Amino acid sequence: MIAVVGALATHHFSLGWKMQKKRKTGLSVFLIFVLLALTGIAIYYIGDQELSVVASFAHLSLGLLLPILYVIHLYFSFVQKKKNSEDEFRLRD
């Protein structure tokens, strides 16, 4: 999963940032990926059982939140594309 985020970071993230589109949802999805990586490492390396349970719960919660944020990010993409196509259609008239 970290490799996928790294691949996206090289093109998709930088392009979206330069275009100043969907920054809030994009940053939210990226932050969730970073936190998933950190909590995954914490689960593996924390020796204390109680802290490991906390890290596991955080990892599970973030994992359940990720698809929701991703769908929101996609929704805004479709809304923006629809708006752009409507604006283009109006310019043709």
Foldseek 3Di string as FASTA:
>chain_A
DVVVLVVCVVPVVVVCVVVVPPPVLVVVLVVLVVLLVVLVVCLVPPPDPVSNVVSVVSNVVSVVVNVVSVVVSVVSVVVVVVVVVVVVVVVVD
